[in-house]
Each structure stands twice: as structure tokens, then as C-alpha cells.
Amino acid sequence: EAKPDQELPTINLSADQMLLNEQSVSIEELREQLKNMKLPGKKEDERAVILEATPDVGYQRYFHVVTAISQAGGILALVEVEEEAESGKDQGG
């Protein structure tokens, strides 16, 4: 299996936190960084942006992120985060 040279950008979104590639970002920083990726110039399969959203994310917050991705020329790849998955893992405080 061919590994992509570059990991796809991944956004982790919860009610109180937004991470882009594991770095905490504001919505403004997210827009800026997505813009800097110059996604419209890439091949379609390199334009995917993975969005992992927890069930507690409010609609408006979610919508802002989805809009930021599409405005930057990214293609939304959605990952549903099940809350049950969290309980099995030991989250070090």
C-alpha cells in the first residue's frame, strides 16, 4: 500500500476546543492555516480535510469550521466521533 507523503490535515472539534493537526487554533487561525495550504491548486485527493467532531459541538460552531474548509478549497472528509470510544481510553489529565 502506498503511503501518502503528507498526512491529510485533521481538525478535531469539540464544544470547547479546536485542534488543527493537534495544535490548538481559533477559527481565524484555522482559516489562515487552511488558506496557506493552497488547497485549490492540489489534486483532488490531496485536498481532503478530515473533520473529527464530537457530538457536543454546537451547530453554529460546526458550520463555521465546515465553511472555513470549503472556502479554503478543501474537500470535507467527515469522521463521526462516538462518545463510547472515549470511555475505553485512559485520558491522562
C-alpha atoms as a PDB file:
ATOM      1  CA  GLU A   1       0.000   0.000   0.000  1.00  0.00           C
ATOM      2  CA  ALA A   2       1.322   3.407  -0.959  1.00  0.00           C
ATOM      3  CA  LYS A   3       1.580   5.755   1.986  1.00  0.00           C
ATOM      4  CA  PRO A   4       0.771   9.406   1.246  1.00  0.00           C
ATOM      5  CA  ASP A   5       3.906  11.520   1.701  1.00  0.00           C
ATOM      6  CA  GLN A   6       1.796  14.037   3.502  1.00  0.00           C
ATOM      7  CA  GLU A   7      -0.737  13.392   6.202  1.00  0.00           C
ATOM      8  CA  LEU A   8      -4.078  14.960   5.452  1.00  0.00           C
ATOM      9  CA  PRO A   9      -4.862  17.977   7.612  1.00  0.00           C
ATOM     10  CA  THR A  10      -7.029  16.869  10.515  1.00  0.00           C
ATOM     11  CA  ILE A  11      -9.330  19.079  12.553  1.00  0.00           C
ATOM     12  CA  ASN A  12     -10.520  17.818  15.930  1.00  0.00           C
ATOM     13  CA  LEU A  13     -13.563  19.761  17.002  1.00  0.00           C
ATOM     14  CA  SER A  14     -15.287  19.614  20.367  1.00  0.00           C
ATOM     15  CA  ALA A  15     -17.538  22.035  22.233  1.00  0.00           C
ATOM     16  CA  ASP A  16     -14.612  23.788  23.924  1.00  0.00           C
ATOM     17  CA  GLN A  17     -11.598  23.038  21.743  1.00  0.00           C
ATOM     18  CA  MET A  18     -10.461  23.127  18.129  1.00  0.00           C
ATOM     19  CA  LEU A  19      -7.259  21.434  17.021  1.00  0.00           C
ATOM     20  CA  LEU A  20      -5.626  21.512  13.601  1.00  0.00           C
ATOM     21  CA  ASN A  21      -3.059  18.710  13.349  1.00  0.00           C
ATOM     22  CA  GLU A  22      -3.036  18.567  17.168  1.00  0.00           C
ATOM     23  CA  GLN A  23      -2.308  22.295  17.551  1.00  0.00           C
ATOM     24  CA  SER A  24      -4.939  24.397  19.280  1.00  0.00           C
ATOM     25  CA  VAL A  25      -6.327  27.050  16.902  1.00  0.00           C
ATOM     26  CA  SER A  26      -9.018  29.713  16.837  1.00  0.00           C
ATOM     27  CA  ILE A  27     -11.406  29.857  13.885  1.00  0.00           C
ATOM     28  CA  GLU A  28      -9.362  32.760  12.469  1.00  0.00           C
ATOM     29  CA  GLU A  29      -6.125  30.770  12.759  1.00  0.00           C
ATOM     30  CA  LEU A  30      -7.833  27.780  11.195  1.00  0.00           C
ATOM     31  CA  ARG A  31      -8.915  29.852   8.174  1.00  0.00           C
ATOM     32  CA  GLU A  32      -5.423  31.325   7.855  1.00  0.00           C
ATOM     33  CA  GLN A  33      -3.668  27.956   8.011  1.00  0.00           C
ATOM     34  CA  LEU A  34      -6.067  26.304   5.588  1.00  0.00           C
ATOM     35  CA  LYS A  35      -5.521  29.188   3.171  1.00  0.00           C
ATOM     36  CA  ASN A  36      -1.741  28.728   3.457  1.00  0.00           C
ATOM     37  CA  MET A  37      -2.099  25.082   2.368  1.00  0.00           C
ATOM     38  CA  LYS A  38      -3.100  26.357  -1.095  1.00  0.00           C
ATOM     39  CA  LEU A  39      -5.607  23.533  -1.439  1.00  0.00           C
ATOM     40  CA  PRO A  40      -7.265  24.652  -4.714  1.00  0.00           C
ATOM     41  CA  GLY A  41      -4.016  24.040  -6.605  1.00  0.00           C
ATOM     42  CA  LYS A  42      -3.707  20.431  -5.448  1.00  0.00           C
ATOM     43  CA  LYS A  43      -5.055  17.196  -6.873  1.00  0.00           C
ATOM     44  CA  GLU A  44      -8.493  16.310  -5.588  1.00  0.00           C
ATOM     45  CA  ASP A  45      -7.350  13.505  -3.286  1.00  0.00           C
ATOM     46  CA  GLU A  46      -4.805  15.853  -1.686  1.00  0.00           C
ATOM     47  CA  ARG A  47      -7.444  18.447  -0.890  1.00  0.00           C
ATOM     48  CA  ALA A  48      -9.285  16.367   1.699  1.00  0.00           C
ATOM     49  CA  VAL A  49      -9.504  17.878   5.164  1.00  0.00           C
ATOM     50  CA  ILE A  50     -10.537  15.465   7.899  1.00  0.00           C
ATOM     51  CA  LEU A  51     -13.030  16.809  10.416  1.00  0.00           C
ATOM     52  CA  GLU A  52     -13.499  14.811  13.605  1.00  0.00           C
ATOM     53  CA  ALA A  53     -16.355  16.331  15.569  1.00  0.00           C
ATOM     54  CA  THR A  54     -17.678  15.190  18.927  1.00  0.00           C
ATOM     55  CA  PRO A  55     -21.444  15.002  19.488  1.00  0.00           C
ATOM     56  CA  ASP A  56     -21.423  18.011  21.825  1.00  0.00           C
ATOM     57  CA  VAL A  57     -20.347  20.503  19.142  1.00  0.00           C
ATOM     58  CA  GLY A  58     -22.963  23.187  18.569  1.00  0.00           C
ATOM     59  CA  TYR A  59     -24.369  23.564  15.065  1.00  0.00           C
ATOM     60  CA  GLN A  60     -23.066  27.088  14.549  1.00  0.00           C
ATOM     61  CA  ARG A  61     -19.521  26.192  15.614  1.00  0.00           C
ATOM     62  CA  TYR A  62     -19.592  23.156  13.354  1.00  0.00           C
ATOM     63  CA  PHE A  63     -20.912  25.224  10.460  1.00  0.00           C
ATOM     64  CA  HIS A  64     -18.084  27.793  10.835  1.00  0.00           C
ATOM     65  CA  VAL A  65     -15.473  25.056  10.507  1.00  0.00           C
ATOM     66  CA  VAL A  66     -17.160  23.385   7.527  1.00  0.00           C
ATOM     67  CA  THR A  67     -17.415  26.790   5.826  1.00  0.00           C
ATOM     68  CA  ALA A  68     -13.743  27.552   6.523  1.00  0.00           C
ATOM     69  CA  ILE A  69     -12.736  24.269   4.868  1.00  0.00           C
ATOM     70  CA  SER A  70     -14.815  24.848   1.750  1.00  0.00           C
ATOM     71  CA  GLN A  71     -13.741  28.483   1.412  1.00  0.00           C
ATOM     72  CA  ALA A  72     -10.114  27.363   1.529  1.00  0.00           C
ATOM     73  CA  GLY A  73     -10.779  24.923  -1.316  1.00  0.00           C
ATOM     74  CA  GLY A  74     -10.670  21.856   0.872  1.00  0.00           C
ATOM     75  CA  ILE A  75     -12.865  18.813   0.487  1.00  0.00           C
ATOM     76  CA  LEU A  76     -14.584  17.811   3.711  1.00  0.00           C
ATOM     77  CA  ALA A  77     -13.909  14.292   4.932  1.00  0.00           C
ATOM     78  CA  LEU A  78     -16.074  13.581   7.928  1.00  0.00           C
ATOM     79  CA  VAL A  79     -15.308  11.330  10.879  1.00  0.00           C
ATOM     80  CA  GLU A  80     -18.024  10.817  13.460  1.00  0.00           C
ATOM     81  CA  VAL A  81     -16.608  10.534  16.949  1.00  0.00           C
ATOM     82  CA  GLU A  82     -18.553   8.123  19.139  1.00  0.00           C
ATOM     83  CA  GLU A  83     -18.612   9.090  22.787  1.00  0.00           C
ATOM     84  CA  GLU A  84     -18.319   5.438  23.853  1.00  0.00           C
ATOM     85  CA  ALA A  85     -14.880   5.313  22.269  1.00  0.00           C
ATOM     86  CA  GLU A  86     -13.651   7.856  24.814  1.00  0.00           C
ATOM     87  CA  SER A  87     -14.554   5.828  27.902  1.00  0.00           C
ATOM     88  CA  GLY A  88     -12.431   2.872  26.833  1.00  0.00           C
ATOM     89  CA  LYS A  89      -9.314   5.010  26.544  1.00  0.00           C
ATOM     90  CA  ASP A  90      -7.400   6.313  29.500  1.00  0.00           C
ATOM     91  CA  GLN A  91      -7.270  10.066  29.028  1.00  0.00           C
ATOM     92  CA  GLY A  92      -4.319  11.354  31.075  1.00  0.00           C
ATOM     93  CA  GLY A  93      -5.351  14.684  32.622  1.00  0.00           C
END
